[in-house]
Protein backbone atom coordinates (compact mmCIF):
# COMPACT_ATOMS: atom_id res chain seq x y z
CA UNK A 1 -149.24 109.61 183.77
CA UNK A 2 -149.56 111.28 180.38
CA UNK A 3 -152.68 113.47 180.26
CA UNK A 4 -155.36 112.57 177.74
CA UNK A 5 -155.44 114.80 174.68
CA UNK A 6 -158.57 116.77 173.86
CA UNK A 7 -157.62 117.44 170.23
CA UNK A 8 -155.29 115.84 167.69
CA UNK A 9 -152.27 117.81 168.85
CA UNK A 10 -149.27 116.44 170.75
CA UNK A 11 -147.21 119.29 172.26
CA UNK A 12 -143.46 118.87 172.52
CA UNK A 13 -142.45 117.09 175.71
CA UNK A 14 -139.30 115.92 177.41
CA UNK A 15 -137.51 116.48 180.69
CA UNK A 16 -134.41 118.05 179.11
CA UNK A 17 -133.73 119.92 175.90
CA UNK A 18 -132.42 117.72 173.07
CA UNK A 19 -128.66 117.34 172.78
CA UNK A 20 -127.83 118.75 169.38
CA UNK A 21 -124.36 117.45 168.61
CA UNK A 22 -122.18 117.41 165.53
CA UNK A 23 -120.87 114.19 164.00
CA UNK A 24 -117.47 115.01 165.52
CA UNK A 25 -118.97 115.46 168.99
CA UNK A 26 -120.86 112.18 168.78
CA UNK A 27 -117.74 110.30 167.71
CA UNK A 28 -115.62 112.02 170.38
CA UNK A 29 -118.07 110.95 173.08
CA UNK A 30 -118.05 107.33 171.89
CA UNK A 31 -114.23 107.26 171.77
CA UNK A 32 -114.06 108.67 175.29
CA UNK A 33 -116.44 106.01 176.60
CA UNK A 34 -115.21 102.89 174.80
CA UNK A 35 -112.01 103.58 172.82
CA UNK A 36 -111.06 99.92 172.35
CA UNK A 37 -114.56 98.51 171.78
CA UNK A 38 -115.52 97.43 168.27
CA UNK A 39 -117.32 100.26 166.48
CA UNK A 40 -117.67 98.58 163.06
CA UNK A 41 -117.65 94.96 161.92
CA UNK A 42 -117.57 94.03 158.23
CA UNK A 43 -120.51 91.70 157.68
CA UNK A 44 -118.85 90.25 154.57
CA UNK A 45 -115.57 89.55 156.38
CA UNK A 46 -116.20 89.71 160.15
CA UNK A 47 -112.49 89.48 160.97
CA UNK A 48 -112.22 93.01 159.58
CA UNK A 49 -113.30 95.40 162.32
CA UNK A 50 -112.46 98.84 163.67
CA UNK A 51 -112.44 100.00 167.27
CA UNK A 52 -113.73 103.47 168.11
CA UNK A 53 -110.14 104.69 168.41
CA UNK A 54 -109.40 103.32 164.92
CA UNK A 55 -112.62 104.70 163.45
CA UNK A 56 -111.78 108.13 164.81
CA UNK A 57 -108.26 108.03 163.34
CA UNK A 58 -109.51 106.80 159.96
CA UNK A 59 -112.26 109.41 159.83
CA UNK A 60 -109.68 112.12 160.58
CA UNK A 61 -107.47 110.82 157.75
CA UNK A 62 -110.42 110.86 155.35
CA UNK A 63 -111.32 114.38 156.51
CA UNK A 64 -107.78 115.47 155.73
CA UNK A 65 -107.79 114.11 152.17
CA UNK A 66 -111.25 115.56 151.50
CA UNK A 67 -110.11 119.00 152.60
CA UNK A 68 -107.25 118.83 150.10
CA UNK A 69 -109.88 119.24 147.37
CA UNK A 70 -112.98 120.53 149.11
CA UNK A 71 -113.90 123.21 151.61
CA UNK A 72 -116.30 122.88 154.56
CA UNK A 73 -119.81 123.22 153.20
CA UNK A 74 -118.96 121.67 149.81
CA UNK A 75 -120.96 118.67 148.61
CA UNK A 76 -119.54 115.16 148.24
CA UNK A 77 -121.67 112.52 146.48
CA UNK A 78 -121.06 108.94 147.67
CA UNK A 79 -122.25 106.24 145.25
CA UNK A 80 -121.45 102.86 146.72
CA UNK A 81 -123.08 99.84 148.36
CA UNK A 82 -122.97 99.13 152.08
CA UNK A 83 -119.59 98.65 153.70
CA UNK A 84 -117.71 99.80 156.77
CA UNK A 85 -115.74 102.02 154.37
CA UNK A 86 -118.99 103.84 153.57
CA UNK A 87 -119.48 104.59 157.26
CA UNK A 88 -115.89 105.80 157.56
CA UNK A 89 -116.46 108.26 154.71
CA UNK A 90 -119.71 109.36 156.37
CA UNK A 91 -117.81 110.32 159.52
CA UNK A 92 -114.83 111.69 157.60
CA UNK A 93 -117.13 114.05 155.73
CA UNK A 94 -118.86 115.02 158.96
CA UNK A 95 -115.56 115.82 160.68
CA UNK A 96 -114.46 117.90 157.67
CA UNK A 97 -117.74 119.83 157.59
CA UNK A 98 -118.34 118.47 154.08
CA UNK A 99 -121.96 117.72 153.15
CA UNK A 100 -122.48 114.06 152.22
CA UNK A 101 -124.89 113.46 149.32
CA UNK A 102 -126.02 109.84 149.59
CA UNK A 103 -126.76 108.04 146.31
CA UNK A 104 -128.49 104.70 145.74
CA UNK A 105 -125.99 102.32 144.06
CA UNK A 106 -128.83 100.90 141.95
CA UNK A 107 -129.23 104.22 140.12
CA UNK A 108 -128.67 104.34 136.40
CA UNK A 109 -126.58 107.04 134.70
CA UNK A 110 -129.37 109.60 134.24
CA UNK A 111 -130.59 109.17 137.81
CA UNK A 112 -127.06 109.67 139.11
CA UNK A 113 -126.54 112.70 136.88
CA UNK A 114 -129.73 114.31 138.20
CA UNK A 115 -128.47 113.99 141.78
CA UNK A 116 -125.05 115.38 140.87
CA UNK A 117 -126.54 118.36 139.03
CA UNK A 118 -129.28 119.15 141.54
CA UNK A 119 -127.02 118.80 144.60
CA UNK A 120 -124.22 120.82 142.94
CA UNK A 121 -121.76 118.20 144.09
CA UNK A 122 -118.09 119.13 143.67
CA UNK A 123 -116.84 115.57 144.11
CA UNK A 124 -118.15 112.08 143.31
CA UNK A 125 -116.73 109.06 145.13
CA UNK A 126 -117.87 105.73 143.72
CA UNK A 127 -117.43 102.00 144.16
CA UNK A 128 -115.80 100.13 141.28
CA UNK A 129 -118.77 97.82 140.73
CA UNK A 130 -122.11 96.79 142.16
CA UNK A 131 -123.90 93.56 141.24
CA UNK A 132 -121.87 93.17 138.11
CA UNK A 133 -122.28 96.77 136.93
CA UNK A 134 -119.21 98.84 136.12
CA UNK A 135 -119.90 101.84 138.36
CA UNK A 136 -116.67 103.54 137.40
CA UNK A 137 -117.77 103.78 133.76
CA UNK A 138 -121.26 104.95 134.69
CA UNK A 139 -119.85 107.53 137.10
CA UNK A 140 -117.58 108.97 134.42
CA UNK A 141 -120.51 109.29 132.02
CA UNK A 142 -122.80 110.86 134.60
CA UNK A 143 -120.18 113.37 135.71
CA UNK A 144 -119.74 114.63 132.13
CA UNK A 145 -123.15 116.27 132.32
CA UNK A 146 -122.67 117.74 135.80
CA UNK A 147 -120.92 121.09 135.56
CA UNK A 148 -120.06 121.44 139.26
CA UNK A 149 -118.30 118.06 139.57
CA UNK A 150 -114.55 118.71 139.63
CA UNK A 151 -113.32 115.43 141.07
CA UNK A 152 -114.35 111.82 140.39
CA UNK A 153 -112.54 109.17 142.42
CA UNK A 154 -112.96 105.50 143.25
CA UNK A 155 -113.68 104.79 146.91
CA UNK A 156 -110.67 102.46 147.11
CA UNK A 157 -108.40 105.20 145.76
CA UNK A 158 -109.73 107.73 148.25
CA UNK A 159 -109.07 105.34 151.13
CA UNK A 160 -105.58 104.57 149.83
CA UNK A 161 -104.81 108.29 149.84
CA UNK A 162 -106.17 108.53 153.36
CA UNK A 163 -103.88 105.73 154.51
CA UNK A 164 -100.90 107.82 153.37
CA UNK A 165 -102.14 111.05 154.94
CA UNK A 166 -101.68 112.25 158.50
CA UNK A 167 -104.93 112.41 160.48
CA UNK A 168 -106.46 115.84 160.88
CA UNK A 169 -105.38 117.12 164.29
CA UNK A 170 -107.62 120.18 164.39
CA UNK A 171 -111.13 119.85 162.99
CA UNK A 172 -112.89 122.76 161.30
CA UNK A 173 -115.63 124.42 163.31
CA UNK A 174 -119.03 122.98 162.38
CA UNK A 175 -122.32 124.40 163.68
CA UNK A 176 -125.03 122.14 165.06
CA UNK A 177 -127.46 123.49 162.48
CA UNK A 178 -125.04 122.96 159.57
CA UNK A 179 -126.17 120.54 156.87
CA UNK A 180 -124.56 117.11 157.30
CA UNK A 181 -126.32 115.13 154.58
CA UNK A 182 -128.54 115.57 151.55
CA UNK A 183 -130.78 112.57 150.94
CA UNK A 184 -132.96 112.42 147.86
CA UNK A 185 -136.67 111.82 148.06
CA UNK A 186 -139.60 112.67 145.82
CA UNK A 187 -142.99 114.31 146.15
CA UNK A 188 -146.17 114.21 144.16
CA UNK A 189 -144.41 115.51 141.06
CA UNK A 190 -142.01 112.57 141.09
CA UNK A 191 -139.03 114.92 140.71
CA UNK A 192 -136.34 113.86 143.22
CA UNK A 193 -135.67 116.54 145.83
CA UNK A 194 -132.70 116.76 148.18
CA UNK A 195 -133.75 116.90 151.83
CA UNK A 196 -131.09 118.74 153.84
CA UNK A 197 -130.46 117.04 157.19
CA UNK A 198 -128.45 118.78 159.88
CA UNK A 199 -125.83 117.55 162.33
CA UNK A 200 -128.04 118.46 165.28
CA UNK A 201 -131.18 116.96 163.75
CA UNK A 202 -129.40 113.71 163.04
CA UNK A 203 -128.08 113.49 166.60
CA UNK A 204 -131.45 114.19 168.22
CA UNK A 205 -133.52 111.94 165.95
CA UNK A 206 -131.48 108.77 166.04
CA UNK A 207 -130.36 109.01 169.65
CA UNK A 208 -134.03 109.16 170.61
CA UNK A 209 -134.96 106.14 168.49
CA UNK A 210 -132.26 104.04 170.15
CA UNK A 211 -133.34 105.26 173.57
CA UNK A 212 -137.00 104.63 172.74
CA UNK A 213 -136.09 101.08 171.73
CA UNK A 214 -134.74 100.47 175.21
CA UNK A 215 -131.02 100.98 174.53
CA UNK A 216 -129.24 102.30 177.63
CA UNK A 217 -125.71 103.68 178.23
CA UNK A 218 -125.01 100.72 180.50
CA UNK A 219 -125.71 98.18 177.75
CA UNK A 220 -124.25 99.35 174.43
CA UNK A 221 -126.07 97.73 171.50
CA UNK A 222 -124.72 95.35 168.90
CA UNK A 223 -126.67 96.42 165.82
CA UNK A 224 -126.89 94.08 162.82
CA UNK A 225 -127.45 96.55 159.98
CA UNK A 226 -128.74 95.38 156.60
CA UNK A 227 -130.54 98.60 155.73
CA UNK A 228 -129.07 100.60 152.83
CA UNK A 229 -126.64 103.26 153.98
CA UNK A 230 -127.89 105.78 151.40
CA UNK A 231 -131.16 105.75 153.37
CA UNK A 232 -132.10 107.21 156.78
CA UNK A 233 -132.56 103.70 158.14
CA UNK A 234 -128.97 102.68 157.46
CA UNK A 235 -126.88 105.85 157.81
CA UNK A 236 -129.17 107.30 160.46
CA UNK A 237 -131.18 105.00 162.70
CA UNK A 238 -128.64 102.16 162.69
CA UNK A 239 -125.34 104.06 162.38
CA UNK A 240 -126.01 107.09 164.58
CA UNK A 241 -128.26 105.11 166.92
CA UNK A 242 -125.31 102.79 167.55
CA UNK A 243 -122.60 105.46 167.87
CA UNK A 244 -124.76 107.56 170.19
CA UNK A 245 -124.56 104.70 172.69
CA UNK A 246 -120.98 103.63 171.82
CA UNK A 247 -122.23 100.30 170.51
CA UNK A 248 -121.06 97.96 167.75
CA UNK A 249 -122.50 98.08 164.25
CA UNK A 250 -122.23 95.00 162.02
CA UNK A 251 -122.59 96.31 158.46
CA UNK A 252 -124.05 93.84 155.98
CA UNK A 253 -123.22 94.50 152.30
CA UNK A 254 -126.83 93.70 151.35
CA UNK A 255 -129.82 91.95 152.80
CA UNK A 256 -129.55 88.17 152.98
CA UNK A 257 -131.58 86.28 155.56
CA UNK A 258 -129.08 83.44 155.99
CA UNK A 259 -126.15 85.84 156.44
CA UNK A 260 -128.15 87.92 158.90
CA UNK A 261 -128.94 84.88 161.04
CA UNK A 262 -125.31 83.77 161.03
CA UNK A 263 -124.05 87.23 162.00
CA UNK A 264 -126.70 87.70 164.70
CA UNK A 265 -125.55 84.44 166.28
CA UNK A 266 -121.79 84.95 165.88
CA UNK A 267 -121.71 88.61 166.92
CA UNK A 268 -124.40 88.28 169.60
CA UNK A 269 -126.54 90.91 167.92
CA UNK A 270 -129.02 92.65 170.22
CA UNK A 271 -130.99 94.94 167.90
CA UNK A 272 -131.80 95.48 164.24
CA UNK A 273 -133.98 97.50 161.89
CA UNK A 274 -135.78 95.40 159.27
CA UNK A 275 -138.72 96.09 156.99
CA UNK A 276 -141.56 93.50 156.99
CA UNK A 277 -140.22 91.76 153.88
CA UNK A 278 -136.99 91.05 155.72
CA UNK A 279 -138.87 89.68 158.71
CA UNK A 280 -140.72 87.21 156.51
CA UNK A 281 -137.38 86.10 155.05
CA UNK A 282 -135.95 85.49 158.52
CA UNK A 283 -138.93 83.46 159.66
CA UNK A 284 -138.94 81.29 156.55
CA UNK A 285 -135.19 80.69 156.26
CA UNK A 286 -134.30 77.00 156.73
CA UNK A 287 -131.29 77.73 158.97
CA UNK A 288 -133.23 79.77 161.53
CA UNK A 289 -134.18 76.85 163.78
CA UNK A 290 -130.54 75.92 164.26
CA UNK A 291 -129.33 79.40 165.20
CA UNK A 292 -128.85 80.70 168.72
CA UNK A 293 -130.62 84.07 168.59
CA UNK A 294 -131.17 84.56 172.30
CA UNK A 295 -129.21 87.84 172.27
CA UNK A 296 -131.54 89.44 169.67
CA UNK A 297 -133.99 91.27 171.89
CA UNK A 298 -135.35 94.15 169.78
CA UNK A 299 -136.46 94.43 166.16
CA UNK A 300 -137.43 97.84 164.81
CA UNK A 301 -139.58 97.82 161.71
CA UNK A 302 -141.72 100.10 159.57
CA UNK A 303 -141.78 101.42 156.03
CA UNK A 304 -144.94 99.42 155.31
CA UNK A 305 -147.95 98.09 157.15
CA UNK A 306 -146.92 95.41 159.64
CA UNK A 307 -149.72 92.83 159.98
CA UNK A 308 -150.70 91.79 163.49
CA UNK A 309 -150.05 88.12 162.69
CA UNK A 310 -146.50 88.95 161.59
CA UNK A 311 -145.83 90.85 164.81
CA UNK A 312 -147.09 87.91 166.86
CA UNK A 313 -145.11 85.40 164.84
CA UNK A 314 -141.85 87.34 165.13
CA UNK A 315 -142.26 87.76 168.88
CA UNK A 316 -143.14 84.09 169.30
CA UNK A 317 -140.59 82.49 166.98
CA UNK A 318 -137.68 84.89 167.39
CA UNK A 319 -138.43 85.75 171.02
CA UNK A 320 -137.79 89.42 170.33
CA UNK A 321 -139.94 92.46 170.88
CA UNK A 322 -141.13 94.27 167.75
CA UNK A 323 -141.28 98.08 167.69
CA UNK A 324 -142.66 100.29 164.91
CA UNK A 325 -140.92 103.46 163.76
CA UNK A 326 -142.49 106.10 161.53
CA UNK A 327 -141.24 109.17 159.76
CA UNK A 328 -139.91 110.36 156.44
CA UNK A 329 -136.60 111.67 155.15
CA UNK A 330 -137.80 115.24 155.65
CA UNK A 331 -138.14 114.57 159.40
CA UNK A 332 -134.71 112.94 159.60
CA UNK A 333 -136.44 109.62 159.02
CA UNK A 334 -138.43 109.46 162.23
CA UNK A 335 -140.84 111.34 164.49
CA UNK A 336 -142.77 108.70 166.44
CA UNK A 337 -142.54 105.05 167.44
CA UNK A 338 -144.07 102.38 169.63
CA UNK A 339 -142.25 101.56 172.85
CA UNK A 340 -141.33 98.45 174.84
CA UNK A 341 -144.38 97.33 176.78
CA UNK A 342 -146.91 98.53 174.20
CA UNK A 343 -149.79 96.17 173.48
CA UNK A 344 -149.61 94.02 170.36
CA UNK A 345 -152.67 95.76 168.92
CA UNK A 346 -150.95 99.15 169.27
CA UNK A 347 -147.83 97.80 167.58
CA UNK A 348 -149.80 96.27 164.72
CA UNK A 349 -152.37 99.03 164.21
CA UNK A 350 -150.49 102.25 165.07
CA UNK A 351 -147.09 103.80 164.53
CA UNK A 352 -146.79 104.76 168.18
CA UNK A 353 -146.66 108.20 169.76
CA UNK A 354 -144.24 111.10 169.14
CA UNK A 355 -140.66 111.26 170.26
CA UNK A 356 -139.64 113.98 172.69
CA UNK A 357 -139.23 117.60 171.67
CA UNK A 358 -141.50 117.59 168.61
CA UNK A 359 -145.02 118.90 168.09
CA UNK A 360 -147.28 116.56 166.11
CA UNK A 361 -150.82 117.17 164.94
CA UNK A 362 -153.51 115.95 162.59
CA UNK A 363 -154.56 118.89 160.44
CA UNK A 364 -157.10 119.67 157.79
CA UNK A 365 -155.02 119.45 154.56
CA UNK A 366 -156.74 122.52 153.11
CA UNK A 367 -157.08 124.90 156.07
CA UNK A 368 -154.28 123.69 158.37
CA UNK A 369 -156.68 123.65 161.32
CA UNK A 370 -156.00 121.07 164.04
CA UNK A 371 -158.69 118.38 163.96
CA UNK A 372 -160.59 116.69 166.80
CA UNK A 373 -159.40 113.40 168.29
CA UNK A 374 -160.02 110.54 165.87
CA UNK A 375 -160.65 112.76 162.83
CA UNK A 376 -158.87 111.87 159.60
CA UNK A 377 -156.41 114.47 158.33
CA UNK A 378 -152.82 115.11 157.35
CA UNK A 379 -150.01 114.17 159.73
CA UNK A 380 -147.79 117.17 160.43
CA UNK A 381 -144.72 117.64 162.62
CA UNK A 382 -142.76 120.64 163.90
CA UNK A 383 -139.46 120.89 165.75
CA UNK A 384 -135.74 120.25 165.51
CA UNK A 385 -136.17 117.02 163.58
CA UNK A 386 -137.66 118.82 160.59
CA UNK A 387 -135.23 119.21 157.68
CA UNK A 388 -133.94 122.70 157.00
CA UNK A 389 -135.41 122.53 153.50
CA UNK A 390 -134.94 121.03 150.05
CA UNK A 391 -131.64 121.90 148.45
CA UNK A 392 -131.93 124.67 145.83
CA UNK A 393 -135.72 124.39 145.74
CA UNK A 394 -137.44 127.19 147.64
CA UNK A 395 -140.82 126.49 146.04
CA UNK A 396 -140.84 122.84 147.15
CA UNK A 397 -139.62 123.83 150.62
CA UNK A 398 -142.44 126.36 151.01
CA UNK A 399 -144.96 123.73 149.90
CA UNK A 400 -143.62 121.21 152.44
CA UNK A 401 -143.09 123.48 155.48
CA UNK A 402 -145.66 126.15 156.32
CA UNK A 403 -144.76 129.58 157.77
CA UNK A 404 -145.31 128.27 161.32
CA UNK A 405 -142.76 125.49 160.80
CA UNK A 406 -145.17 122.57 160.30
CA UNK A 407 -143.83 119.88 157.97
CA UNK A 408 -146.65 118.44 155.89
CA UNK A 409 -146.17 114.70 155.72
CA UNK A 410 -148.59 114.08 152.86
CA UNK A 411 -149.87 111.07 154.82
CA UNK A 412 -153.41 110.77 156.10
CA UNK A 413 -153.88 109.58 159.64
CA UNK A 414 -155.66 109.87 162.96
CA UNK A 415 -154.53 110.48 166.55
CA UNK A 416 -156.19 109.01 169.62
CA UNK A 417 -156.43 110.63 173.04
CA UNK A 418 -153.13 109.00 174.09
CA UNK A 419 -151.25 110.48 171.14
CA UNK A 420 -150.94 107.21 169.20
CA UNK A 421 -151.03 107.72 165.43
CA UNK A 422 -152.66 105.54 162.81
CA UNK A 423 -151.61 105.95 159.18
CA UNK A 424 -154.66 105.49 156.99
CA UNK A 425 -153.55 106.50 153.52
CA UNK A 426 -151.43 108.92 151.53
CA UNK A 427 -152.09 112.25 149.96
CA UNK A 428 -148.98 111.63 147.91
CA UNK A 429 -149.12 109.44 144.88
CA UNK A 430 -146.55 107.02 146.23
CA UNK A 431 -145.94 103.27 146.35
CA UNK A 432 -144.05 101.60 149.21
CA UNK A 433 -142.41 98.36 148.09
CA UNK A 434 -140.32 96.50 150.65
CA UNK A 435 -139.75 99.71 152.62
CA UNK A 436 -138.64 101.76 149.60
CA UNK A 437 -140.64 104.75 148.38
CA UNK A 438 -141.43 104.62 144.66
CA UNK A 439 -142.90 107.57 142.81
CA UNK A 440 -145.18 106.74 139.85
CA UNK A 441 -144.58 109.96 137.94
CA UNK A 442 -140.91 109.09 137.42
CA UNK A 443 -141.82 105.69 135.96
CA UNK A 444 -144.60 107.15 133.82
CA UNK A 445 -142.25 109.76 132.41
CA UNK A 446 -139.81 107.02 131.40
CA UNK A 447 -142.43 104.78 129.76
CA UNK A 448 -144.30 107.49 127.89
CA UNK A 449 -141.14 108.10 125.87
CA UNK A 450 -141.56 104.71 124.17
CA UNK A 451 -143.30 105.02 120.77
CA UNK A 452 -145.61 102.07 121.48
CA UNK A 453 -147.13 103.79 124.52
CA UNK A 454 -149.95 106.29 124.17
CA UNK A 455 -150.81 106.65 127.87
CA UNK A 456 -149.57 105.01 131.04
CA UNK A 457 -150.59 105.06 134.69
CA UNK A 458 -148.54 103.46 137.45
CA UNK A 459 -150.29 102.33 140.63
CA UNK A 460 -149.53 100.24 143.69
CA UNK A 461 -151.06 96.79 144.07
CA UNK A 462 -151.25 95.04 147.44
CA UNK A 463 -148.69 92.26 147.80
CA UNK A 464 -148.31 89.89 150.78
CA UNK A 465 -144.50 89.85 150.60
CA UNK A 466 -143.52 93.38 149.53
CA UNK A 467 -146.46 95.33 150.97
CA UNK A 468 -147.10 96.80 147.53
CA UNK A 469 -146.00 95.95 144.01
CA UNK A 470 -145.55 98.33 141.11
CA UNK A 471 -148.14 97.93 138.33
CA UNK A 472 -148.15 99.71 134.97
CA UNK A 473 -151.43 100.17 133.11
CA UNK A 474 -150.75 100.99 129.46
CA UNK A 475 -152.89 102.22 126.58
CA UNK A 476 -151.01 101.27 123.40
CA UNK A 477 -150.30 103.76 120.66
CA UNK A 478 -153.04 103.62 118.02
CA UNK A 479 -152.74 101.92 114.61
CA UNK A 480 -150.25 99.31 115.76
CA UNK A 481 -149.87 96.31 113.47
CA UNK A 482 -148.93 93.88 116.25
CA UNK A 483 -149.94 93.35 119.89
CA UNK A 484 -148.07 95.40 122.45
CA UNK A 485 -144.82 93.64 123.43
CA UNK A 486 -144.61 94.13 127.18
CA UNK A 487 -141.19 92.47 127.33
CA UNK A 488 -139.86 95.32 125.22
CA UNK A 489 -141.43 97.91 127.55
CA UNK A 490 -140.03 96.19 130.62
CA UNK A 491 -136.53 96.18 129.14
CA UNK A 492 -136.96 99.82 128.07
CA UNK A 493 -137.87 100.76 131.63
CA UNK A 494 -135.07 98.67 133.16
CA UNK A 495 -132.46 100.51 131.08
CA UNK A 496 -133.59 103.85 132.48
CA UNK A 497 -134.52 103.18 136.09
CA UNK A 498 -133.26 101.24 139.07
CA UNK A 499 -134.67 97.72 139.12
CA UNK A 500 -136.86 98.19 142.16
CA UNK A 501 -138.78 100.95 140.38
CA UNK A 502 -139.61 98.91 137.27
CA UNK A 503 -143.19 97.57 137.14
CA UNK A 504 -143.57 93.91 138.00
CA UNK A 505 -147.20 93.77 136.85
CA UNK A 506 -148.39 94.98 133.44
CA UNK A 507 -151.92 95.65 132.24
CA UNK A 508 -153.13 96.80 128.83
CA UNK A 509 -156.38 98.76 128.43
CA UNK A 510 -158.11 100.45 125.47
CA UNK A 511 -159.15 103.47 127.58
CA UNK A 512 -158.57 104.90 131.02
CA UNK A 513 -161.25 105.90 133.53
CA UNK A 514 -161.04 109.67 133.68
CA UNK A 515 -162.52 112.72 135.35
CA UNK A 516 -164.55 115.22 133.30
CA UNK A 517 -161.37 117.27 132.93
CA UNK A 518 -159.55 114.29 131.45
CA UNK A 519 -157.38 113.30 134.42
CA UNK A 520 -156.81 109.56 134.85
CA UNK A 521 -158.57 108.18 137.92
CA UNK A 522 -155.82 106.03 139.37
CA UNK A 523 -157.90 104.96 142.33
CA UNK A 524 -160.41 103.39 139.96
CA UNK A 525 -157.63 101.49 138.18
CA UNK A 526 -156.39 100.21 141.54
CA UNK A 527 -159.91 99.14 142.48
CA UNK A 528 -160.37 97.34 139.14
CA UNK A 529 -157.11 95.44 139.67
CA UNK A 530 -158.03 94.54 143.25
CA UNK A 531 -161.47 93.30 142.12
CA UNK A 532 -160.00 91.17 139.34
CA UNK A 533 -161.67 93.23 136.61
CA UNK A 534 -158.24 93.73 135.04
CA UNK A 535 -155.97 90.76 134.44
CA UNK A 536 -152.21 91.23 134.01
CA UNK A 537 -150.80 90.46 130.58
CA UNK A 538 -147.36 89.92 132.13
CA UNK A 539 -145.86 89.48 135.58
CA UNK A 540 -142.20 89.83 136.40
CA UNK A 541 -142.62 89.05 140.08
CA UNK A 542 -140.01 86.80 141.58
CA UNK A 543 -140.95 84.05 143.99
CA UNK A 544 -140.08 85.11 147.55
CA UNK A 545 -136.60 83.97 148.54
CA UNK A 546 -134.85 84.16 151.86
CA UNK A 547 -131.91 85.95 150.26
CA UNK A 548 -134.00 88.53 148.43
CA UNK A 549 -132.83 92.11 148.72
CA UNK A 550 -135.50 94.29 150.25
CA UNK A 551 -134.44 97.66 148.95
CA UNK A 552 -133.83 96.90 145.31
CA UNK A 553 -135.38 94.66 142.70
């Protein structure tokens, strides 16, 4: 029986020390256990699949071609949508000791260039196209402004070279604490920062999530994965969670509720990770009633508040248990979760209790002092799942991780005497739309460059489908002869930012509520919108559709 806590501090627990393994060690273990079992299934063409033996050989071939141009420790940026090829490159880079820089395929040229410059990538591998966009042309333009990039190659060309290359027989030595991936996130400044995730941290974090979800070595999972691979949920929780138990991962190219249901039935899927928006799409899809989903036993979710009614409906209509995961990229995407057998109220109102081998506390944001049970403060975590820092940004790293090793989450929450956490709000100025973090400063910086905009504030507005929607409140430039054309601003924003970041709701005001020092009071704007005191002049919201993509707009 777990002892009751007397303060908001959960000390690291666990019967055995965490197994910190490299990507190569994890793949070796899976090959040894189930060499001829399916490791990867192409969700777009399910007849295309790789066994663990084949994945290992392909990853070794990719490692060999990467090491023709790169050295262990160099940075490789991968800019492509979901595919089993993406996962093969992920493991190939891991086996070569090359650091994988994951890039959202929805990024525009300037966003891609920022990642290339900040990560000091030596090589960019890209898909040819994504949703009708010529990624090859964009990649060439972005690389021109990135001094460290020496090689730009299409993913298909890289794989063709690998097919002609002998697999790497001897792998380079890679330390457990070596950086495996750099994933980009943002803080209160809105400037994207590269969180450095280690081989050992990845192994510990995602193995524990799978184990916490009830996955056992005796019953390898079949994971239907629609989460983006550039994100911890896709490349981490789903991919490593599956490989750590020698299971089968079905990689969907993008989220589509009908395709998910068909794959879950055909492949006898047992587990998935899906943000609340995806769950709504599954429940409302017309083909659901005719699908045999009896194998689907566990659904992990998070990234946004999960209403109690949605939890109950999923468990009732899909006959699957719902578990909540919580974390951030800086903690390798996770640090606590609910468990099988938890009460519905705990699943709906909390994010569970910590995983093994991490310290978690609720601290005073100003003093760092641990707070009493039930007191509201900042969620902080310490241990092997904490990133090793932000790439090439010592100042941001020092602000995020204190001298005692505590990672400041920037989220406000409480802890009860059992260790269960409730997330109440955010210290960060951040919007969560469909499980994706959106940072207002980046959008504001783009819009303020338009000559018709004098001031702009971007806030999150509650939305029943997406959790939150992005709203832009604009004060027009003075002395305009015509009303502000919001369509022009929306197009201006769309040219500069990924679609999911562009405001769906637009408001125009003559003045902003401000503090005595002149700072815009965003919370007052949000309250005015919620109360109906501000009416949108334009809305670009789409009607919910079963095939909507959760991670991008």
